[in-house]
């Protein structure tokens, strides 16, 4: 799989693009991080989306899966847990969830998931918002990477110059 394949790249980016209501968030963002940190309990996952409330929902859903399944499947459990921050007991790994503009500074990510960084067409059409989002990408998100970080961008493509479009055009190691 994408996260388990060592490429030797400093980071790898996977861009997933689907229309609204096609299950992309439920399949990836609400489920995958809890599996990832339960299987790899010393790795850290960052989830970012268009606002803190939505990020909290992703956090709650992953926390529920860790609480319900991680001990039975991987022998792991939560050490510290809230809607925004989870840590795996007796390990260094965990999950943090934030709104994309809320700041993730101070946290490294082995897996970074950006799910719908744009709320709607109005934000997508705003060149100001697209610039702010790109600055956040360059100055915050990319500075959280380390050797071998896997980044997944999941979004509806509302505009050709959206985050996914800029990443595809400007970054190396991108898989679409």
Protein backbone atom coordinates (compact mmCIF):
# COMPACT_ATOMS: atom_id res chain seq x y z
CA UNK A 1 0.00 0.00 0.00
CA UNK A 2 0.96 3.64 -0.30
CA UNK A 3 1.97 4.09 3.37
CA UNK A 4 3.81 0.78 3.66
CA UNK A 5 5.94 1.15 0.53
CA UNK A 6 9.41 2.53 1.14
CA UNK A 7 10.40 4.72 -1.82
CA UNK A 8 13.54 6.38 -0.52
CA UNK A 9 11.90 9.76 -1.20
CA UNK A 10 11.98 12.42 1.52
CA UNK A 11 8.17 12.31 1.41
CA UNK A 12 5.44 10.92 -0.83
CA UNK A 13 2.11 12.55 -1.67
CA UNK A 14 -1.08 10.80 -2.76
CA UNK A 15 -3.87 12.99 -4.17
CA UNK A 16 -7.37 11.51 -4.04
CA UNK A 17 -10.10 13.49 -5.74
CA UNK A 18 -13.80 12.60 -5.63
CA UNK A 19 -17.08 14.48 -5.78
CA UNK A 20 -18.89 15.25 -2.52
CA UNK A 21 -20.66 12.40 -0.73
CA UNK A 22 -18.64 9.57 -2.26
CA UNK A 23 -17.34 8.18 1.04
CA UNK A 24 -13.78 9.47 0.78
CA UNK A 25 -13.70 10.88 4.32
CA UNK A 26 -15.42 7.89 5.88
CA UNK A 27 -13.13 5.43 4.15
CA UNK A 28 -9.84 7.23 4.67
CA UNK A 29 -9.92 9.97 7.29
CA UNK A 30 -12.36 8.46 9.78
CA UNK A 31 -10.82 4.97 9.71
CA UNK A 32 -7.29 4.80 8.32
CA UNK A 33 -5.45 6.85 11.00
CA UNK A 34 -6.69 4.63 13.84
CA UNK A 35 -5.48 1.53 11.98
CA UNK A 36 -2.17 3.21 11.15
CA UNK A 37 -1.20 4.27 14.68
CA UNK A 38 -2.48 1.01 16.16
CA UNK A 39 -0.35 -1.02 13.76
CA UNK A 40 2.61 1.39 13.99
CA UNK A 41 2.29 2.72 17.56
CA UNK A 42 5.42 4.87 17.47
CA UNK A 43 4.31 6.79 14.38
CA UNK A 44 2.43 10.05 14.41
CA UNK A 45 -0.51 11.08 12.28
CA UNK A 46 -1.78 14.59 11.62
CA UNK A 47 -5.28 15.13 10.23
CA UNK A 48 -6.17 18.59 8.91
CA UNK A 49 -9.40 19.75 7.29
CA UNK A 50 -11.23 23.00 6.62
CA UNK A 51 -12.17 23.76 10.26
CA UNK A 52 -11.64 22.63 13.84
CA UNK A 53 -15.18 21.29 14.30
CA UNK A 54 -14.84 18.94 11.34
CA UNK A 55 -11.38 17.93 12.57
CA UNK A 56 -12.90 17.11 15.95
CA UNK A 57 -15.39 14.78 14.25
CA UNK A 58 -12.53 12.93 12.57
CA UNK A 59 -10.76 12.72 15.91
CA UNK A 60 -13.83 11.31 17.71
CA UNK A 61 -14.37 8.68 15.06
CA UNK A 62 -10.73 7.53 15.14
CA UNK A 63 -10.71 7.55 18.95
CA UNK A 64 -13.79 5.33 18.92
CA UNK A 65 -12.12 2.85 16.59
CA UNK A 66 -8.92 2.77 18.66
CA UNK A 67 -10.94 2.25 21.85
CA UNK A 68 -13.05 -0.49 20.30
CA UNK A 69 -10.61 -2.41 18.10
CA UNK A 70 -6.93 -1.59 18.76
CA UNK A 71 -6.55 -3.73 21.88
CA UNK A 72 -8.17 -6.78 20.28
CA UNK A 73 -6.37 -6.52 16.95
CA UNK A 74 -2.99 -4.98 17.81
CA UNK A 75 -2.79 -5.22 21.61
CA UNK A 76 -2.69 -1.41 21.85
CA UNK A 77 -4.81 1.19 23.62
CA UNK A 78 -5.10 4.94 24.12
CA UNK A 79 -2.91 6.56 26.76
CA UNK A 80 -4.27 10.07 26.43
CA UNK A 81 -7.33 10.86 24.47
CA UNK A 82 -9.52 13.76 23.43
CA UNK A 83 -11.31 14.75 20.26
CA UNK A 84 -8.14 16.46 19.07
CA UNK A 85 -5.25 14.44 20.48
CA UNK A 86 -4.71 10.73 20.98
CA UNK A 87 -1.58 8.89 22.09
CA UNK A 88 -0.94 5.16 22.08
CA UNK A 89 -0.14 3.83 25.58
CA UNK A 90 3.53 2.95 26.17
CA UNK A 91 4.51 4.32 22.73
CA UNK A 92 5.38 7.62 21.09
CA UNK A 93 2.72 7.54 18.38
CA UNK A 94 -0.70 9.08 18.14
CA UNK A 95 -3.07 11.29 16.20
CA UNK A 96 -3.71 15.02 16.27
CA UNK A 97 -6.56 16.69 14.41
CA UNK A 98 -6.76 20.38 13.55
CA UNK A 99 -8.42 22.82 11.24
CA UNK A 100 -6.07 23.51 8.34
CA UNK A 101 -5.49 27.12 9.40
CA UNK A 102 -5.43 26.34 13.16
CA UNK A 103 -1.78 25.42 13.15
CA UNK A 104 0.04 22.14 13.54
CA UNK A 105 3.39 23.68 14.43
CA UNK A 106 5.38 21.65 16.92
CA UNK A 107 4.04 18.32 15.71
CA UNK A 108 5.82 16.02 13.29
CA UNK A 109 3.88 13.65 11.09
CA UNK A 110 4.77 10.26 9.67
CA UNK A 111 1.34 10.34 8.03
CA UNK A 112 -0.38 13.62 7.21
CA UNK A 113 -3.95 13.55 5.93
CA UNK A 114 -5.50 16.70 4.52
CA UNK A 115 -9.20 16.12 4.00
CA UNK A 116 -11.25 18.78 2.22
CA UNK A 117 -9.10 21.82 2.98
CA UNK A 118 -11.73 23.95 1.21
CA UNK A 119 -15.23 24.17 2.66
CA UNK A 120 -17.20 25.14 -0.44
CA UNK A 121 -17.12 26.72 -3.89
CA UNK A 122 -16.98 30.25 -2.46
CA UNK A 123 -13.71 29.47 -0.65
CA UNK A 124 -12.41 27.61 -3.70
CA UNK A 125 -13.10 30.60 -5.93
CA UNK A 126 -11.34 33.00 -3.56
CA UNK A 127 -7.80 33.66 -4.75
CA UNK A 128 -7.03 35.06 -1.28
CA UNK A 129 -8.07 31.82 0.40
CA UNK A 130 -6.17 29.71 -2.13
CA UNK A 131 -3.02 31.78 -1.44
CA UNK A 132 -3.44 31.44 2.33
CA UNK A 133 -3.91 27.69 1.95
CA UNK A 134 -0.80 27.38 -0.22
CA UNK A 135 1.19 29.41 2.34
CA UNK A 136 -0.06 27.05 5.07
CA UNK A 137 1.05 24.10 2.91
CA UNK A 138 4.54 25.50 2.40
CA UNK A 139 5.15 27.05 5.84
CA UNK A 140 3.34 24.69 8.18
CA UNK A 141 2.39 21.35 6.63
CA UNK A 142 5.58 20.68 4.68
CA UNK A 143 7.68 21.67 7.69
CA UNK A 144 6.02 18.85 9.66
CA UNK A 145 7.43 16.19 7.33
CA UNK A 146 10.41 14.00 8.09
CA UNK A 147 12.20 11.29 6.14
CA UNK A 148 9.59 9.04 4.57
CA UNK A 149 6.48 11.01 5.54
CA UNK A 150 3.38 10.00 3.61
CA UNK A 151 0.90 12.76 2.79
CA UNK A 152 -2.64 12.07 1.58
CA UNK A 153 -4.70 14.93 0.18
CA UNK A 154 -8.38 14.07 -0.17
CA UNK A 155 -10.61 16.66 -1.70
CA UNK A 156 -13.31 17.62 -4.10
CA UNK A 157 -11.69 19.59 -6.90
CA UNK A 158 -13.64 22.87 -7.00
CA UNK A 159 -10.96 24.88 -8.81
CA UNK A 160 -7.97 24.04 -11.03
CA UNK A 161 -5.72 26.18 -8.80
CA UNK A 162 -6.81 24.48 -5.56
CA UNK A 163 -4.40 22.84 -3.14
CA UNK A 164 -4.37 19.54 -5.04
CA UNK A 165 -3.74 21.36 -8.33
CA UNK A 166 -0.84 23.34 -6.90
CA UNK A 167 0.66 20.28 -5.24
CA UNK A 168 0.46 18.32 -8.50
CA UNK A 169 2.06 21.22 -10.40
CA UNK A 170 4.75 22.15 -7.86
CA UNK A 171 5.74 19.20 -5.72
CA UNK A 172 7.85 16.13 -6.38
CA UNK A 173 6.89 12.58 -5.44
CA UNK A 174 3.16 13.01 -6.17
CA UNK A 175 0.86 10.13 -7.09
CA UNK A 176 -2.58 10.91 -8.47
